[in-house]
Amino acid sequence: MKVAVFSCKPYDKRTLEAATKDATDLELVFFESRLSTETVSLVQGYDAVSCFVNDDLSREVLEQLSAKGIKAIALRCAGYNNVDLYCAKALSMPVFHVPDYSPTSVAEHAVALILTLNRKIHRAYHRVKEGNFALEGLMGFNLEGKTVGCIGTGRIGEAFCRIMMGFGCRVICYDLTQNQRLLELGAEYLDLESLYAQSDIISLHCPLNASTHHLINKSSLEKMKDGVMIINTSRGALVNAQEAIDGLYSGKIGFLGLDVYEQEGKFFFEDMSDHIIYDSVFQLLLTFPNVVVTGHQGYFTDIALRHIADTTLENLRQLQSPVGTFQRELTIKQ
């Protein structure tokens, strides 16, 4: 099977090559460019494609993939909001993902953002490098006893809740399905409005879909405590960035930690240090001292990369297997 691997950075290539070192059944060809209407012509002669979070898998692209003989899509991520699953189903093109690569990697990054914002590590780091050891303006708060709201309690959300319980926090959750393991550990499930009203910290660990798009907006912010900390390591469009900025100006948001951004596809995963970033909302976010932004690196650990590579290759090999439908194939949820 010949596979075109898009959005492939050097670290992806190293990990995938290591995983296929002795393989004779898969031929991987690496493209650093993203899959889009402009690059879809590159797939001619391939059997499948492997894509990442910001590749374009809209109807237009899927139809072109099908016309060029692509039989399947293997995502190297858990999320699939960039895929038109209805179109893929109509084209009989299976789509696979990596539902469980390392939940703790993203959960730990969310906690890192909390600690950085709370104890102002980002500001203290620069002060000390300049010989400034003054503590004024660096006061944080104890996490013990704080109420942490977790929206989405799947694998990553569960890992996050377990860590926060270790800090002595009260953990309250919202999800359409309650996680029995978290209930046994002492977590509470509330409706969204109650979670908004009671949380000192809110961390998002839910997928992006029609019901969660801009979950954090003017209306939901009005229901939260003044000075609330909001953390997003899931998908950028869960947060309405402009309305979050308004919340920062008013003091409703006291701390904002983002590992994802709604328009990140234009520049995340790239070195933009010599370029102007033409996004005034993003540039404005970076001016706030109580905002920390990282470039979608929550998943980025050695264990996670190895697991992503192994699972992606398993998914591709399943297409050549006579065994039935593979458990990681995505289906349309009604």
Protein backbone atom coordinates (compact mmCIF):
# COMPACT_ATOMS: atom_id res chain seq x y z
CA MET A 1 0.00 0.00 0.00
CA LYS A 2 1.36 3.39 -1.00
CA VAL A 3 0.42 6.15 1.46
CA ALA A 4 0.77 9.94 1.07
CA VAL A 5 1.51 11.43 4.50
CA PHE A 6 0.52 15.10 4.69
CA SER A 7 1.41 17.77 7.29
CA CYS A 8 4.47 15.69 8.04
CA LYS A 9 7.05 17.48 10.15
CA PRO A 10 10.56 16.07 10.76
CA TYR A 11 9.50 14.56 14.09
CA ASP A 12 6.53 12.81 12.43
CA LYS A 13 8.79 11.43 9.72
CA ARG A 14 11.35 10.14 12.24
CA THR A 15 8.67 8.37 14.29
CA LEU A 16 6.85 6.87 11.29
CA GLU A 17 10.08 5.71 9.68
CA ALA A 18 11.11 4.02 12.92
CA ALA A 19 7.74 2.28 13.11
CA THR A 20 8.04 1.00 9.50
CA LYS A 21 11.76 0.21 9.54
CA ASP A 22 11.24 -3.48 8.72
CA ALA A 23 7.84 -3.18 7.01
CA THR A 24 7.33 -4.47 3.49
CA ASP A 25 3.58 -3.94 3.26
CA LEU A 26 3.50 -0.12 3.49
CA GLU A 27 5.29 2.54 1.49
CA LEU A 28 5.08 5.97 3.09
CA VAL A 29 5.84 9.13 1.13
CA PHE A 30 6.09 12.29 3.21
CA PHE A 31 4.77 15.74 2.34
CA GLU A 32 5.32 18.67 4.70
CA SER A 33 2.50 20.61 3.00
CA ARG A 34 -1.06 20.37 4.23
CA LEU A 35 -3.69 18.55 2.23
CA SER A 36 -5.91 21.09 0.49
CA THR A 37 -7.52 21.81 -2.85
CA GLU A 38 -4.12 23.16 -3.96
CA THR A 39 -2.14 20.04 -2.98
CA VAL A 40 -4.66 17.24 -3.59
CA SER A 41 -3.10 16.58 -7.02
CA LEU A 42 -0.09 15.08 -5.19
CA VAL A 43 -2.11 11.95 -4.29
CA GLN A 44 -2.20 10.59 -7.83
CA GLY A 45 -0.94 7.01 -7.75
CA TYR A 46 -1.43 6.51 -4.00
CA ASP A 47 -3.80 4.12 -2.22
CA ALA A 48 -4.43 6.10 0.98
CA VAL A 49 -3.61 9.36 2.72
CA SER A 50 -2.60 10.12 6.29
CA CYS A 51 -3.59 13.54 7.62
CA PHE A 52 -3.40 15.73 10.71
CA VAL A 53 -5.59 18.27 12.51
CA ASN A 54 -5.40 21.17 10.05
CA ASP A 55 -5.60 19.26 6.77
CA ASP A 56 -8.63 20.07 4.62
CA LEU A 57 -10.90 17.06 4.29
CA SER A 58 -13.96 18.92 3.07
CA ARG A 59 -16.36 17.56 0.47
CA GLU A 60 -14.43 19.18 -2.37
CA VAL A 61 -11.16 17.56 -1.32
CA LEU A 62 -12.73 14.18 -0.54
CA GLU A 63 -14.36 13.99 -3.94
CA GLN A 64 -11.02 14.70 -5.58
CA LEU A 65 -9.31 12.08 -3.41
CA SER A 66 -11.90 9.50 -4.45
CA ALA A 67 -11.56 10.41 -8.13
CA LYS A 68 -7.79 9.86 -7.86
CA GLY A 69 -8.22 6.40 -6.37
CA ILE A 70 -7.69 7.05 -2.67
CA LYS A 71 -9.30 4.20 -0.73
CA ALA A 72 -9.01 5.44 2.86
CA ILE A 73 -7.97 8.26 5.20
CA ALA A 74 -5.86 7.60 8.29
CA LEU A 75 -5.92 10.55 10.67
CA ARG A 76 -2.96 10.93 13.03
CA CYS A 77 -5.13 12.56 15.71
CA ALA A 78 -8.21 11.94 17.81
CA GLY A 79 -10.33 14.85 16.55
CA TYR A 80 -12.07 14.73 13.19
CA ASN A 81 -13.97 18.02 12.94
CA ASN A 82 -12.01 18.77 9.74
CA VAL A 83 -13.53 15.74 7.97
CA ASP A 84 -16.86 15.71 6.12
CA LEU A 85 -17.91 12.28 7.38
CA TYR A 86 -21.19 12.37 5.44
CA CYS A 87 -19.29 12.80 2.19
CA ALA A 88 -16.76 10.13 3.14
CA LYS A 89 -19.59 7.69 3.83
CA ALA A 90 -21.25 8.50 0.51
CA LEU A 91 -17.92 7.84 -1.23
CA SER A 92 -17.44 4.56 0.70
CA MET A 93 -14.13 5.94 1.94
CA PRO A 94 -13.31 4.71 5.48
CA VAL A 95 -11.82 7.27 7.87
CA PHE A 96 -9.68 6.09 10.78
CA HIS A 97 -8.40 8.08 13.74
CA VAL A 98 -6.24 7.63 16.84
CA PRO A 99 -8.72 7.83 19.73
CA ASP A 100 -6.27 7.06 22.52
CA TYR A 101 -2.65 8.03 21.92
CA SER A 102 -1.74 9.38 25.36
CA PRO A 103 -4.53 11.06 27.29
CA THR A 104 -2.13 12.13 30.03
CA SER A 105 0.01 14.14 27.59
CA VAL A 106 -2.79 16.62 26.85
CA ALA A 107 -4.10 16.54 30.43
CA GLU A 108 -0.65 17.33 31.82
CA HIS A 109 -0.27 20.21 29.37
CA ALA A 110 -3.57 21.66 30.57
CA VAL A 111 -2.24 21.51 34.11
CA ALA A 112 1.02 23.12 32.96
CA LEU A 113 -0.99 26.05 31.59
CA ILE A 114 -2.86 26.34 34.90
CA LEU A 115 0.35 26.41 36.92
CA THR A 116 2.05 28.82 34.54
CA LEU A 117 -0.83 31.30 34.65
CA ASN A 118 -1.43 30.96 38.38
CA ARG A 119 2.18 31.29 39.51
CA LYS A 120 3.07 33.60 36.59
CA ILE A 121 6.01 31.45 35.56
CA HIS A 122 6.15 33.05 32.11
CA ARG A 123 6.62 36.51 33.62
CA ALA A 124 9.00 35.38 36.39
CA TYR A 125 11.23 33.64 33.84
CA HIS A 126 11.85 36.85 31.91
CA ARG A 127 12.31 38.92 35.08
CA VAL A 128 15.01 36.65 36.47
CA LYS A 129 16.87 36.57 33.13
CA GLU A 130 17.05 40.38 33.37
CA GLY A 131 18.26 40.29 36.98
CA ASN A 132 14.90 41.38 38.39
CA PHE A 133 14.06 39.31 41.46
CA ALA A 134 11.18 41.46 42.73
CA LEU A 135 8.03 39.53 43.58
CA GLU A 136 5.51 42.33 43.21
CA GLY A 137 2.89 41.34 40.66
CA LEU A 138 3.70 37.62 40.79
CA MET A 139 1.32 36.50 43.53
CA GLY A 140 -0.63 33.34 42.78
CA PHE A 141 -3.21 31.30 44.66
CA ASN A 142 -3.34 27.85 46.23
CA LEU A 143 -4.98 25.25 44.03
CA GLU A 144 -6.00 23.22 47.05
CA GLY A 145 -9.64 23.86 47.81
CA LYS A 146 -10.42 25.49 44.47
CA THR A 147 -13.32 24.27 42.34
CA VAL A 148 -12.25 23.00 38.92
CA GLY A 149 -14.84 22.50 36.20
CA CYS A 150 -14.07 19.94 33.51
CA ILE A 151 -16.22 19.98 30.36
CA GLY A 152 -15.84 16.62 28.66
CA THR A 153 -14.82 13.56 30.67
CA GLY A 154 -13.51 11.13 28.09
CA ARG A 155 -9.99 9.75 28.33
CA ILE A 156 -8.26 13.15 28.43
CA GLY A 157 -10.85 14.75 30.68
CA GLU A 158 -10.62 11.85 33.11
CA ALA A 159 -6.83 12.11 33.22
CA PHE A 160 -7.11 15.86 33.85
CA CYS A 161 -9.62 15.38 36.68
CA ARG A 162 -7.42 12.80 38.38
CA ILE A 163 -4.48 15.22 38.39
CA MET A 164 -6.55 18.10 39.78
CA MET A 165 -7.92 15.86 42.53
CA GLY A 166 -4.31 15.22 43.47
CA PHE A 167 -3.92 18.96 44.10
CA GLY A 168 -6.83 18.80 46.54
CA CYS A 169 -9.32 20.51 44.22
CA ARG A 170 -13.05 19.95 44.16
CA VAL A 171 -13.74 18.62 40.66
CA ILE A 172 -17.10 19.19 38.98
CA CYS A 173 -17.86 17.89 35.51
CA TYR A 174 -20.23 18.17 32.58
CA ASP A 175 -20.67 15.56 29.88
CA LEU A 176 -23.56 13.89 28.09
CA THR A 177 -22.38 10.58 29.59
CA GLN A 178 -21.11 10.36 33.14
CA ASN A 179 -17.76 8.67 33.78
CA GLN A 180 -18.32 6.09 36.50
CA ARG A 181 -14.63 5.97 37.43
CA LEU A 182 -14.63 9.69 38.18
CA LEU A 183 -17.82 9.41 40.22
CA GLU A 184 -16.16 6.73 42.34
CA LEU A 185 -13.21 9.08 42.91
CA GLY A 186 -15.50 11.84 44.15
CA ALA A 187 -16.13 13.99 41.09
CA GLU A 188 -19.56 15.58 40.76
CA TYR A 189 -21.62 16.00 37.59
CA LEU A 190 -23.61 19.21 37.20
CA ASP A 191 -25.48 20.96 34.44
CA LEU A 192 -23.45 23.48 32.44
CA GLU A 193 -24.92 26.58 34.09
CA SER A 194 -24.11 25.28 37.57
CA LEU A 195 -20.59 24.37 36.47
CA TYR A 196 -20.09 27.87 35.05
CA ALA A 197 -21.34 29.50 38.25
CA GLN A 198 -19.26 27.43 40.68
CA SER A 199 -15.91 26.95 38.92
CA ASP A 200 -12.74 28.89 39.70
CA ILE A 201 -11.03 27.11 36.78
CA ILE A 202 -12.73 25.69 33.68
CA SER A 203 -10.86 23.30 31.39
CA LEU A 204 -12.27 22.16 28.04
CA HIS A 205 -11.82 18.53 27.00
CA CYS A 206 -14.70 18.04 24.57
CA PRO A 207 -14.87 17.53 20.79
CA LEU A 208 -15.78 20.32 18.41
CA ASN A 209 -19.22 19.94 16.88
CA ALA A 210 -22.31 22.02 16.26
CA SER A 211 -23.31 22.00 19.94
CA THR A 212 -19.85 22.95 21.28
CA HIS A 213 -18.85 25.53 18.68
CA HIS A 214 -18.04 28.77 20.57
CA LEU A 215 -19.05 27.14 23.84
CA ILE A 216 -17.14 29.91 25.58
CA ASN A 217 -18.86 33.11 24.47
CA LYS A 218 -20.37 36.28 25.88
CA SER A 219 -23.45 34.47 27.18
CA SER A 220 -21.59 31.65 28.93
CA LEU A 221 -18.99 34.05 30.35
CA GLU A 222 -21.72 36.11 32.00
CA LYS A 223 -22.65 33.03 34.06
CA MET A 224 -19.11 32.55 35.40
CA LYS A 225 -17.29 33.95 38.41
CA ASP A 226 -15.35 37.16 37.94
CA GLY A 227 -11.69 36.33 37.39
CA VAL A 228 -12.33 32.78 36.19
CA MET A 229 -9.44 30.84 34.62
CA ILE A 230 -10.24 29.21 31.28
CA ILE A 231 -8.04 26.52 29.71
CA ASN A 232 -8.51 25.11 26.22
CA THR A 233 -6.37 22.21 24.96
CA SER A 234 -9.08 20.67 22.75
CA ARG A 235 -10.13 22.57 19.62
CA GLY A 236 -9.77 26.29 18.98
CA ALA A 237 -13.34 26.98 17.92
CA LEU A 238 -14.65 25.98 21.36
CA VAL A 239 -13.71 29.54 22.36
CA ASN A 240 -14.99 32.68 20.67
CA ALA A 241 -11.67 34.52 20.76
CA GLN A 242 -13.07 38.02 20.26
CA GLU A 243 -15.60 37.58 23.07
CA ALA A 244 -12.87 36.09 25.26
CA ILE A 245 -10.86 39.28 24.68
CA ASP A 246 -13.88 41.30 25.79
CA GLY A 247 -13.97 39.09 28.91
CA LEU A 248 -10.29 39.79 29.56
CA TYR A 249 -10.86 43.55 29.30
CA SER A 250 -13.81 43.43 31.70
CA GLY A 251 -12.03 41.19 34.22
CA LYS A 252 -14.55 38.39 33.84
CA ILE A 253 -11.67 36.21 32.59
CA GLY A 254 -8.76 36.47 35.00
CA PHE A 255 -6.54 33.95 33.22
CA LEU A 256 -6.67 32.39 29.76
CA GLY A 257 -4.56 29.43 28.66
CA LEU A 258 -4.82 28.29 25.04
CA ASP A 259 -3.03 25.47 23.26
CA VAL A 260 -5.41 25.79 20.31
CA TYR A 261 -6.89 28.68 18.35
CA GLU A 262 -9.81 28.84 15.94
CA GLN A 263 -7.73 30.17 13.02
CA GLU A 264 -4.58 28.23 13.89
CA GLY A 265 -4.52 26.44 10.55
CA LYS A 266 -2.96 29.52 8.98
CA PHE A 267 0.22 29.43 11.07
CA PHE A 268 0.40 26.79 13.83
CA PHE A 269 3.09 24.12 13.37
CA GLU A 270 5.11 26.57 11.25
CA ASP A 271 8.04 28.87 12.07
CA MET A 272 6.48 32.31 11.62
CA SER A 273 9.21 34.24 13.45
CA ASP A 274 10.25 36.08 10.27
CA HIS A 275 6.70 36.74 9.09
CA ILE A 276 3.86 39.04 9.99
CA ILE A 277 0.91 37.11 11.37
CA TYR A 278 -2.11 38.68 9.71
CA ASP A 279 -4.58 37.96 12.50
CA SER A 280 -5.37 40.97 14.65
CA VAL A 281 -7.40 38.95 17.18
CA PHE A 282 -4.56 36.50 17.79
CA GLN A 283 -2.00 39.30 18.00
CA LEU A 284 -4.15 41.12 20.54
CA LEU A 285 -4.42 37.98 22.69
CA LEU A 286 -0.63 37.86 22.92
CA THR A 287 -0.50 41.34 24.48
CA PHE A 288 -2.29 40.32 27.69
CA PRO A 289 -0.04 39.46 30.64
CA ASN A 290 -2.63 36.97 31.92
CA VAL A 291 -2.82 34.99 28.67
CA VAL A 292 -0.52 32.09 27.76
CA VAL A 293 -0.68 30.59 24.27
CA THR A 294 1.17 27.50 23.10
CA GLY A 295 1.18 26.17 19.55
CA HIS A 296 -0.96 23.01 19.78
CA GLN A 297 1.75 21.08 21.60
CA GLY A 298 -0.39 19.39 24.24
CA TYR A 299 -0.14 16.02 22.52
CA PHE A 300 3.58 16.41 21.80
CA THR A 301 5.39 13.81 23.94
CA ASP A 302 7.59 10.87 22.96
CA ILE A 303 5.06 8.27 24.07
CA ALA A 304 2.19 9.99 22.25
CA LEU A 305 4.11 10.27 18.97
CA ARG A 306 5.07 6.60 19.06
CA HIS A 307 1.50 5.57 19.81
CA ILE A 308 0.14 7.81 17.03
CA ALA A 309 2.55 6.22 14.55
CA ASP A 310 1.80 2.66 15.64
CA THR A 311 -1.98 3.13 15.63
CA THR A 312 -1.97 4.91 12.26
CA LEU A 313 -0.02 2.05 10.71
CA GLU A 314 -2.34 -0.53 12.31
CA ASN A 315 -5.30 1.33 10.84
CA LEU A 316 -3.76 1.29 7.36
CA ARG A 317 -2.91 -2.39 7.59
CA GLN A 318 -6.49 -3.17 8.57
CA LEU A 319 -7.55 -2.15 5.06
CA GLN A 320 -5.57 -5.10 3.71
CA SER A 321 -6.96 -7.53 6.29
CA PRO A 322 -9.94 -9.82 5.63
CA VAL A 323 -11.04 -9.35 9.23
CA GLY A 324 -14.20 -7.25 9.70
CA THR A 325 -14.65 -3.55 10.43
CA PHE A 326 -11.88 -2.05 12.51
CA GLN A 327 -12.79 -0.43 15.80
CA ARG A 328 -11.05 2.87 15.03
CA GLU A 329 -13.07 3.56 11.88
CA LEU A 330 -15.16 6.68 12.34
CA THR A 331 -18.90 6.52 11.83
CA ILE A 332 -21.50 9.26 11.75
CA LYS A 333 -23.07 9.82 15.15
CA GLN A 334 -26.78 10.50 14.92
